[in-house]
């Protein structure tokens, strides 16, 4: 049981890093600096370096990392980051439209829940909401296949 909880926490942490890299880089392939990532995640720079080295060394690396040159997502890392972004934005939309949470409470609640929803739950939430393409903040919701809606970048509030 303890190992399972530690594995889950590790997975949450990895997801947070991937989502932060995606958020900072946007849809571009540009590299994100460690200091920007440390600031975004409120983590010490040494911890950032350790995690980036670990993620880059995996059998299927989630990132491409070069010391002093920054980090960018690999294809697998981008896929996972977009899945977490989708979970987050669908949860926010569900909380707002179905449970009537105030807008200012959506982000923190979705941060806690995004790591734990199953794919089945994600599909059901999306269906109940009519497969939304935008969350209550005006951010585009990635499609199940990881693509962004046509309006993304033109009139969305994603940046």
N, C-alpha and C. Protein backbone atom coordinates (compact mmCIF):
# COMPACT_ATOMS: atom_id res chain seq x y z
N UNK A 1 0.83 -1.19 0.00
CA UNK A 1 0.00 0.00 0.00
C UNK A 1 0.87 1.26 0.00
N UNK A 2 1.92 1.27 0.80
CA UNK A 2 2.78 2.44 0.89
C UNK A 2 3.49 2.69 -0.44
N UNK A 3 3.99 1.63 -1.09
CA UNK A 3 4.65 1.79 -2.38
C UNK A 3 3.68 2.32 -3.42
N UNK A 4 2.44 1.86 -3.36
CA UNK A 4 1.43 2.35 -4.31
C UNK A 4 1.23 3.85 -4.13
N UNK A 5 1.13 4.30 -2.89
CA UNK A 5 0.95 5.73 -2.62
C UNK A 5 2.16 6.52 -3.08
N UNK A 6 3.38 5.98 -2.86
CA UNK A 6 4.57 6.68 -3.32
C UNK A 6 4.60 6.74 -4.84
N UNK A 7 4.23 5.65 -5.51
CA UNK A 7 4.20 5.64 -6.97
C UNK A 7 3.21 6.64 -7.52
N UNK A 8 2.08 6.74 -6.88
CA UNK A 8 1.06 7.71 -7.29
C UNK A 8 1.60 9.12 -7.14
N UNK A 9 2.24 9.42 -6.01
CA UNK A 9 2.79 10.74 -5.77
C UNK A 9 3.83 11.08 -6.82
N UNK A 10 4.68 10.09 -7.13
CA UNK A 10 5.70 10.30 -8.14
C UNK A 10 5.05 10.60 -9.48
N UNK A 11 4.00 9.88 -9.81
CA UNK A 11 3.28 10.10 -11.05
C UNK A 11 2.64 11.49 -11.08
N UNK A 12 2.08 11.90 -9.96
CA UNK A 12 1.51 13.25 -9.86
C UNK A 12 2.58 14.30 -10.13
N UNK A 13 3.74 14.10 -9.54
CA UNK A 13 4.84 15.04 -9.70
C UNK A 13 5.29 15.10 -11.16
N UNK A 14 5.42 13.95 -11.79
CA UNK A 14 5.80 13.90 -13.21
C UNK A 14 4.75 14.64 -14.04
N UNK A 15 3.49 14.37 -13.79
CA UNK A 15 2.41 15.05 -14.51
C UNK A 15 2.49 16.55 -14.33
N UNK A 16 2.77 16.99 -13.11
CA UNK A 16 2.88 18.43 -12.85
C UNK A 16 4.02 19.05 -13.66
N UNK A 17 5.14 18.36 -13.74
CA UNK A 17 6.27 18.86 -14.53
C UNK A 17 5.89 18.93 -16.01
N UNK A 18 5.31 17.87 -16.53
CA UNK A 18 4.94 17.85 -17.95
C UNK A 18 3.94 18.95 -18.28
N UNK A 19 2.95 19.11 -17.41
CA UNK A 19 1.94 20.15 -17.65
C UNK A 19 2.57 21.54 -17.58
N UNK A 20 3.48 21.75 -16.64
CA UNK A 20 4.15 23.05 -16.51
C UNK A 20 5.01 23.34 -17.75
N UNK A 21 5.73 22.35 -18.24
CA UNK A 21 6.55 22.55 -19.44
C UNK A 21 5.64 22.90 -20.62
N UNK A 22 4.54 22.17 -20.76
CA UNK A 22 3.60 22.45 -21.85
C UNK A 22 3.03 23.87 -21.72
N UNK A 23 2.64 24.24 -20.52
CA UNK A 23 2.05 25.56 -20.29
C UNK A 23 3.05 26.67 -20.62
N UNK A 24 4.29 26.50 -20.20
CA UNK A 24 5.31 27.52 -20.46
C UNK A 24 5.72 27.59 -21.92
N UNK A 25 5.76 26.47 -22.60
CA UNK A 25 6.18 26.45 -24.02
C UNK A 25 5.02 26.69 -24.96
N UNK A 26 3.80 26.44 -24.50
CA UNK A 26 2.65 26.53 -25.38
C UNK A 26 2.73 25.46 -26.46
N UNK A 27 2.22 25.76 -27.62
CA UNK A 27 2.22 24.79 -28.71
C UNK A 27 3.54 24.78 -29.47
N UNK A 28 4.44 25.66 -29.09
CA UNK A 28 5.72 25.72 -29.80
C UNK A 28 6.64 24.58 -29.35
N UNK A 29 7.70 24.41 -30.08
CA UNK A 29 8.69 23.39 -29.75
C UNK A 29 9.87 24.02 -29.00
N UNK A 30 9.65 25.24 -28.49
CA UNK A 30 10.76 25.94 -27.84
C UNK A 30 11.11 25.32 -26.50
N UNK A 31 12.33 25.55 -26.10
CA UNK A 31 12.82 25.02 -24.83
C UNK A 31 12.40 25.94 -23.69
N UNK A 32 12.17 25.33 -22.55
CA UNK A 32 11.80 26.05 -21.33
C UNK A 32 12.99 25.99 -20.39
N UNK A 33 13.37 27.12 -19.83
CA UNK A 33 14.49 27.17 -18.91
C UNK A 33 14.14 26.61 -17.54
N UNK A 34 15.13 26.08 -16.88
CA UNK A 34 14.94 25.49 -15.55
C UNK A 34 14.43 26.51 -14.54
N UNK A 35 14.92 27.75 -14.63
CA UNK A 35 14.48 28.75 -13.65
C UNK A 35 13.01 29.10 -13.83
N UNK A 36 12.55 29.16 -15.08
CA UNK A 36 11.12 29.43 -15.32
C UNK A 36 10.28 28.27 -14.79
N UNK A 37 10.76 27.07 -14.97
CA UNK A 37 10.06 25.88 -14.49
C UNK A 37 10.05 25.85 -12.96
N UNK A 38 11.18 26.19 -12.34
CA UNK A 38 11.27 26.24 -10.88
C UNK A 38 10.29 27.26 -10.31
N UNK A 39 10.20 28.40 -10.97
CA UNK A 39 9.27 29.44 -10.51
C UNK A 39 7.82 28.98 -10.68
N UNK A 40 7.51 28.39 -11.80
CA UNK A 40 6.15 27.92 -12.09
C UNK A 40 5.68 26.87 -11.08
N UNK A 41 6.60 25.96 -10.72
CA UNK A 41 6.25 24.86 -9.82
C UNK A 41 6.55 25.16 -8.35
N UNK A 42 7.16 26.31 -8.09
CA UNK A 42 7.57 26.67 -6.73
C UNK A 42 8.45 25.58 -6.12
N UNK A 43 9.46 25.19 -6.89
CA UNK A 43 10.38 24.12 -6.50
C UNK A 43 11.81 24.65 -6.61
N UNK A 44 12.69 24.17 -5.75
CA UNK A 44 14.10 24.58 -5.78
C UNK A 44 14.75 24.17 -7.09
N UNK A 45 15.63 25.01 -7.64
CA UNK A 45 16.29 24.68 -8.91
C UNK A 45 16.99 23.33 -8.90
N UNK A 46 17.62 22.93 -7.79
CA UNK A 46 18.29 21.63 -7.74
C UNK A 46 17.29 20.49 -7.92
N UNK A 47 16.10 20.64 -7.36
CA UNK A 47 15.06 19.62 -7.52
C UNK A 47 14.60 19.55 -8.98
N UNK A 48 14.53 20.69 -9.62
CA UNK A 48 14.14 20.73 -11.04
C UNK A 48 15.15 19.94 -11.87
N UNK A 49 16.43 20.23 -11.66
CA UNK A 49 17.48 19.54 -12.41
C UNK A 49 17.42 18.04 -12.20
N UNK A 50 17.25 17.60 -10.97
CA UNK A 50 17.17 16.17 -10.67
C UNK A 50 16.01 15.51 -11.41
N UNK A 51 14.85 16.13 -11.37
CA UNK A 51 13.67 15.55 -12.03
C UNK A 51 13.86 15.54 -13.55
N UNK A 52 14.39 16.62 -14.11
CA UNK A 52 14.58 16.67 -15.56
C UNK A 52 15.56 15.60 -16.02
N UNK A 53 16.62 15.39 -15.26
CA UNK A 53 17.58 14.34 -15.61
C UNK A 53 16.91 12.97 -15.56
N UNK A 54 16.09 12.76 -14.56
CA UNK A 54 15.38 11.48 -14.42
C UNK A 54 14.42 11.25 -15.58
N UNK A 55 13.64 12.27 -15.94
CA UNK A 55 12.67 12.12 -17.02
C UNK A 55 13.35 11.91 -18.38
N UNK A 56 14.50 12.55 -18.57
CA UNK A 56 15.22 12.42 -19.84
C UNK A 56 15.89 11.06 -19.97
N UNK A 57 16.14 10.40 -18.84
CA UNK A 57 16.85 9.12 -18.85
C UNK A 57 15.93 7.91 -18.92
N UNK A 58 14.63 8.10 -18.93
CA UNK A 58 13.70 6.98 -18.97
C UNK A 58 13.79 6.23 -20.31
N UNK A 59 13.35 4.99 -20.32
CA UNK A 59 13.39 4.17 -21.53
C UNK A 59 12.66 4.87 -22.68
N UNK A 60 11.48 5.42 -22.40
CA UNK A 60 10.77 6.27 -23.36
C UNK A 60 10.75 7.66 -22.75
N UNK A 61 11.78 8.48 -23.07
CA UNK A 61 11.89 9.78 -22.42
C UNK A 61 10.67 10.67 -22.65
N UNK A 62 10.24 11.33 -21.57
CA UNK A 62 9.10 12.24 -21.66
C UNK A 62 9.54 13.65 -22.04
N UNK A 63 10.83 13.89 -21.93
CA UNK A 63 11.38 15.21 -22.25
C UNK A 63 12.71 15.06 -22.98
N UNK A 64 13.12 16.16 -23.58
CA UNK A 64 14.47 16.31 -24.12
C UNK A 64 15.12 17.40 -23.28
N UNK A 65 16.17 17.05 -22.58
CA UNK A 65 16.81 17.99 -21.65
C UNK A 65 18.29 18.10 -21.93
N UNK A 66 18.76 19.34 -21.97
CA UNK A 66 20.19 19.63 -22.07
C UNK A 66 20.50 20.71 -21.05
N UNK A 67 21.47 20.43 -20.20
CA UNK A 67 21.87 21.40 -19.19
C UNK A 67 22.19 22.74 -19.85
N UNK A 68 21.71 23.79 -19.26
CA UNK A 68 21.91 25.18 -19.71
C UNK A 68 21.19 25.52 -21.03
N UNK A 69 20.50 24.54 -21.62
CA UNK A 69 19.74 24.81 -22.84
C UNK A 69 18.25 24.64 -22.63
N UNK A 70 17.88 24.08 -21.48
CA UNK A 70 16.48 23.94 -21.16
C UNK A 70 15.90 22.59 -21.55
N UNK A 71 14.59 22.56 -21.54
CA UNK A 71 13.85 21.32 -21.71
C UNK A 71 12.70 21.54 -22.68
N UNK A 72 12.37 20.49 -23.41
CA UNK A 72 11.14 20.49 -24.21
C UNK A 72 10.55 19.09 -24.13
N UNK A 73 9.29 19.02 -24.40
CA UNK A 73 8.59 17.73 -24.32
C UNK A 73 8.92 16.85 -25.51
N UNK A 74 9.06 15.56 -25.25
CA UNK A 74 9.16 14.58 -26.33
C UNK A 74 7.74 14.35 -26.84
N UNK A 75 7.61 13.54 -27.86
CA UNK A 75 6.28 13.21 -28.37
C UNK A 75 5.44 12.55 -27.27
N UNK A 76 6.04 11.60 -26.55
CA UNK A 76 5.32 10.92 -25.46
C UNK A 76 4.99 11.89 -24.32
N UNK A 77 5.90 12.80 -24.02
CA UNK A 77 5.67 13.78 -22.96
C UNK A 77 4.57 14.76 -23.33
N UNK A 78 4.55 15.19 -24.57
CA UNK A 78 3.48 16.10 -25.03
C UNK A 78 2.13 15.41 -24.96
N UNK A 79 2.10 14.14 -25.38
CA UNK A 79 0.84 13.38 -25.34
C UNK A 79 0.32 13.31 -23.90
N UNK A 80 1.21 12.99 -22.95
CA UNK A 80 0.79 12.91 -21.54
C UNK A 80 0.40 14.28 -21.00
N UNK A 81 1.16 15.32 -21.34
CA UNK A 81 0.84 16.67 -20.87
C UNK A 81 -0.55 17.10 -21.34
N UNK A 82 -0.85 16.84 -22.60
CA UNK A 82 -2.17 17.22 -23.14
C UNK A 82 -3.29 16.41 -22.50
N UNK A 83 -3.01 15.17 -22.13
CA UNK A 83 -4.00 14.36 -21.43
C UNK A 83 -4.30 14.98 -20.06
N UNK A 84 -3.28 15.41 -19.35
CA UNK A 84 -3.48 16.03 -18.04
C UNK A 84 -4.18 17.38 -18.18
N UNK A 85 -3.80 18.16 -19.18
CA UNK A 85 -4.48 19.44 -19.44
C UNK A 85 -5.96 19.18 -19.73
N UNK A 86 -6.24 18.16 -20.52
CA UNK A 86 -7.64 17.80 -20.82
C UNK A 86 -8.39 17.44 -19.54
N UNK A 87 -7.79 16.57 -18.72
CA UNK A 87 -8.42 16.21 -17.45
C UNK A 87 -8.72 17.45 -16.62
N UNK A 88 -7.72 18.31 -16.47
CA UNK A 88 -7.86 19.51 -15.65
C UNK A 88 -9.02 20.39 -16.14
N UNK A 89 -9.02 20.65 -17.43
CA UNK A 89 -10.02 21.58 -17.98
C UNK A 89 -11.42 20.96 -18.01
N UNK A 90 -11.51 19.66 -18.22
CA UNK A 90 -12.82 19.01 -18.14
C UNK A 90 -13.34 19.01 -16.70
N UNK A 91 -12.45 18.75 -15.74
CA UNK A 91 -12.87 18.79 -14.33
C UNK A 91 -13.33 20.20 -13.97
N UNK A 92 -12.59 21.23 -14.38
CA UNK A 92 -13.02 22.60 -14.10
C UNK A 92 -14.41 22.87 -14.68
N UNK A 93 -14.62 22.43 -15.90
CA UNK A 93 -15.90 22.66 -16.58
C UNK A 93 -17.03 21.91 -15.87
N UNK A 94 -16.76 20.68 -15.46
CA UNK A 94 -17.74 19.89 -14.71
C UNK A 94 -18.07 20.57 -13.36
N UNK A 95 -17.06 20.98 -12.65
CA UNK A 95 -17.27 21.64 -11.36
C UNK A 95 -18.10 22.90 -11.52
N UNK A 96 -17.85 23.64 -12.57
CA UNK A 96 -18.56 24.91 -12.80
C UNK A 96 -20.00 24.69 -13.23
N UNK A 97 -20.20 23.86 -14.26
CA UNK A 97 -21.55 23.71 -14.85
C UNK A 97 -22.45 22.74 -14.10
N UNK A 98 -21.88 21.71 -13.51
CA UNK A 98 -22.70 20.69 -12.86
C UNK A 98 -22.77 20.91 -11.35
N UNK A 99 -21.64 21.21 -10.73
CA UNK A 99 -21.61 21.37 -9.27
C UNK A 99 -21.66 22.83 -8.82
N UNK A 100 -21.67 23.75 -9.78
CA UNK A 100 -21.84 25.18 -9.53
C UNK A 100 -20.78 25.78 -8.60
N UNK A 101 -19.54 25.30 -8.76
CA UNK A 101 -18.42 25.91 -8.04
C UNK A 101 -18.21 27.32 -8.55
N UNK A 102 -17.79 28.24 -7.68
CA UNK A 102 -17.42 29.57 -8.17
C UNK A 102 -16.12 29.48 -8.99
N UNK A 103 -15.98 30.35 -9.97
CA UNK A 103 -14.83 30.33 -10.87
C UNK A 103 -13.51 30.37 -10.11
N UNK A 104 -13.45 31.15 -9.05
CA UNK A 104 -12.19 31.30 -8.32
C UNK A 104 -11.76 30.04 -7.56
N UNK A 105 -12.63 29.06 -7.44
CA UNK A 105 -12.29 27.80 -6.76
C UNK A 105 -11.98 26.66 -7.72
N UNK A 106 -12.21 26.87 -9.00
CA UNK A 106 -12.08 25.79 -9.98
C UNK A 106 -10.66 25.25 -10.10
N UNK A 107 -9.70 26.13 -10.24
CA UNK A 107 -8.33 25.69 -10.53
C UNK A 107 -7.77 24.80 -9.43
N UNK A 108 -7.86 25.25 -8.19
CA UNK A 108 -7.27 24.48 -7.09
C UNK A 108 -7.93 23.11 -6.94
N UNK A 109 -9.25 23.06 -7.11
CA UNK A 109 -9.95 21.77 -6.99
C UNK A 109 -9.56 20.84 -8.15
N UNK A 110 -9.48 21.40 -9.35
CA UNK A 110 -9.09 20.59 -10.52
C UNK A 110 -7.65 20.11 -10.40
N UNK A 111 -6.77 20.92 -9.80
CA UNK A 111 -5.38 20.50 -9.59
C UNK A 111 -5.33 19.22 -8.75
N UNK A 112 -6.19 19.13 -7.77
CA UNK A 112 -6.21 17.95 -6.90
C UNK A 112 -6.80 16.73 -7.61
N UNK A 113 -7.78 16.92 -8.46
CA UNK A 113 -8.51 15.81 -9.07
C UNK A 113 -7.93 15.31 -10.40
N UNK A 114 -7.23 16.15 -11.13
CA UNK A 114 -6.80 15.83 -12.49
C UNK A 114 -5.98 14.54 -12.60
N UNK A 115 -5.26 14.19 -11.56
CA UNK A 115 -4.39 13.01 -11.59
C UNK A 115 -5.13 11.70 -11.35
N UNK A 116 -6.35 11.80 -10.86
CA UNK A 116 -7.02 10.60 -10.36
C UNK A 116 -8.23 10.15 -11.15
N UNK A 117 -8.61 10.89 -12.19
CA UNK A 117 -9.78 10.45 -12.93
C UNK A 117 -9.38 9.39 -13.95
N UNK A 118 -10.25 8.42 -14.12
CA UNK A 118 -10.00 7.36 -15.10
C UNK A 118 -10.39 7.85 -16.49
N UNK A 119 -9.98 7.09 -17.49
CA UNK A 119 -10.35 7.43 -18.86
C UNK A 119 -11.86 7.29 -19.05
N UNK A 120 -12.46 6.32 -18.38
CA UNK A 120 -13.91 6.15 -18.46
C UNK A 120 -14.63 7.36 -17.87
N UNK A 121 -14.15 7.82 -16.70
CA UNK A 121 -14.75 9.00 -16.07
C UNK A 121 -14.58 10.21 -16.98
N UNK A 122 -13.39 10.37 -17.57
CA UNK A 122 -13.15 11.49 -18.48
C UNK A 122 -14.15 11.49 -19.63
N UNK A 123 -14.36 10.30 -20.23
CA UNK A 123 -15.29 10.19 -21.35
C UNK A 123 -16.71 10.53 -20.93
N UNK A 124 -17.12 10.07 -19.75
CA UNK A 124 -18.48 10.34 -19.28
C UNK A 124 -18.68 11.82 -18.97
N UNK A 125 -17.69 12.44 -18.35
CA UNK A 125 -17.77 13.87 -18.06
C UNK A 125 -17.88 14.65 -19.36
N UNK A 126 -17.03 14.33 -20.32
CA UNK A 126 -17.07 15.02 -21.61
C UNK A 126 -18.43 14.85 -22.28
N UNK A 127 -18.98 13.65 -22.24
CA UNK A 127 -20.29 13.40 -22.85
C UNK A 127 -21.39 14.18 -22.15
N UNK A 128 -21.40 14.16 -20.81
CA UNK A 128 -22.42 14.89 -20.05
C UNK A 128 -22.37 16.38 -20.36
N UNK A 129 -21.15 16.89 -20.57
CA UNK A 129 -20.98 18.32 -20.84
C UNK A 129 -21.16 18.67 -22.31
N UNK A 130 -21.40 17.67 -23.17
CA UNK A 130 -21.56 17.94 -24.60
C UNK A 130 -20.25 18.12 -25.33
N UNK A 131 -19.20 17.43 -24.87
CA UNK A 131 -17.87 17.52 -25.46
C UNK A 131 -17.42 18.97 -25.66
N UNK A 132 -17.25 19.68 -24.55
CA UNK A 132 -16.88 21.09 -24.65
C UNK A 132 -15.48 21.28 -25.23
N UNK A 133 -15.25 22.41 -25.87
CA UNK A 133 -13.94 22.72 -26.42
C UNK A 133 -13.25 23.85 -25.65
N UNK A 134 -13.99 24.46 -24.70
CA UNK A 134 -13.46 25.57 -23.91
C UNK A 134 -13.90 25.42 -22.47
N UNK A 135 -12.98 25.69 -21.53
CA UNK A 135 -13.33 25.63 -20.11
C UNK A 135 -13.90 26.98 -19.65
N UNK A 136 -14.34 27.10 -18.40
CA UNK A 136 -14.93 28.35 -17.92
C UNK A 136 -13.99 29.56 -17.94
N UNK A 137 -12.67 29.31 -18.03
CA UNK A 137 -11.71 30.41 -18.10
C UNK A 137 -11.43 30.85 -19.54
N UNK A 138 -12.01 30.13 -20.51
CA UNK A 138 -11.76 30.44 -21.91
C UNK A 138 -10.56 29.70 -22.49
N UNK A 139 -10.03 28.73 -21.75
CA UNK A 139 -8.91 27.91 -22.24
C UNK A 139 -9.46 26.76 -23.07
N UNK A 140 -8.79 26.49 -24.17
CA UNK A 140 -9.21 25.38 -25.04
C UNK A 140 -8.99 24.04 -24.34
N UNK A 141 -9.92 23.13 -24.54
CA UNK A 141 -9.81 21.78 -24.00
C UNK A 141 -9.32 20.88 -25.13
N UNK A 142 -8.15 20.24 -24.93
CA UNK A 142 -7.68 19.32 -25.97
C UNK A 142 -8.68 18.19 -26.20
N UNK A 143 -8.78 17.75 -27.44
CA UNK A 143 -9.64 16.61 -27.77
C UNK A 143 -9.00 15.34 -27.22
N UNK A 144 -9.76 14.28 -27.20
CA UNK A 144 -9.28 12.98 -26.70
C UNK A 144 -8.02 12.54 -27.43
N UNK A 145 -7.89 12.89 -28.71
CA UNK A 145 -6.72 12.48 -29.50
C UNK A 145 -5.54 13.44 -29.34
N UNK A 146 -5.67 14.44 -28.47
CA UNK A 146 -4.57 15.36 -28.20
C UNK A 146 -4.51 16.57 -29.11
N UNK A 147 -5.45 16.69 -30.03
CA UNK A 147 -5.48 17.88 -30.88
C UNK A 147 -6.23 19.00 -30.17
N UNK A 148 -5.93 20.21 -30.57
CA UNK A 148 -6.62 21.36 -30.00
C UNK A 148 -7.76 21.77 -30.94
N UNK A 149 -8.81 22.40 -30.39
CA UNK A 149 -9.92 22.85 -31.24
C UNK A 149 -9.45 23.85 -32.29
N UNK A 150 -10.22 23.96 -33.36
CA UNK A 150 -9.87 24.86 -34.47
C UNK A 150 -9.66 26.30 -34.00
N UNK A 151 -10.39 26.73 -33.00
CA UNK A 151 -10.29 28.11 -32.54
C UNK A 151 -9.02 28.38 -31.72
N UNK A 152 -8.28 27.33 -31.36
CA UNK A 152 -7.10 27.48 -30.53
C UNK A 152 -6.10 28.43 -31.16
N UNK A 153 -5.68 29.42 -30.40
CA UNK A 153 -4.74 30.42 -30.90
C UNK A 153 -5.43 31.61 -31.54
N UNK A 154 -6.68 31.44 -31.92
CA UNK A 154 -7.45 32.54 -32.53
C UNK A 154 -8.67 32.82 -31.67
N UNK A 155 -8.54 33.70 -30.74
CA UNK A 155 -9.68 34.06 -29.92
C UNK A 155 -9.84 33.20 -28.67
N UNK A 156 -8.86 32.36 -28.38
CA UNK A 156 -8.94 31.60 -27.14
C UNK A 156 -8.13 32.32 -26.07
N UNK A 157 -8.24 31.85 -24.87
CA UNK A 157 -7.58 32.48 -23.73
C UNK A 157 -6.49 31.55 -23.18
N UNK A 158 -5.85 30.79 -24.05
CA UNK A 158 -4.91 29.75 -23.61
C UNK A 158 -3.54 30.28 -23.19
N UNK A 159 -3.16 31.43 -23.67
CA UNK A 159 -1.80 31.89 -23.35
C UNK A 159 -1.71 32.62 -22.05
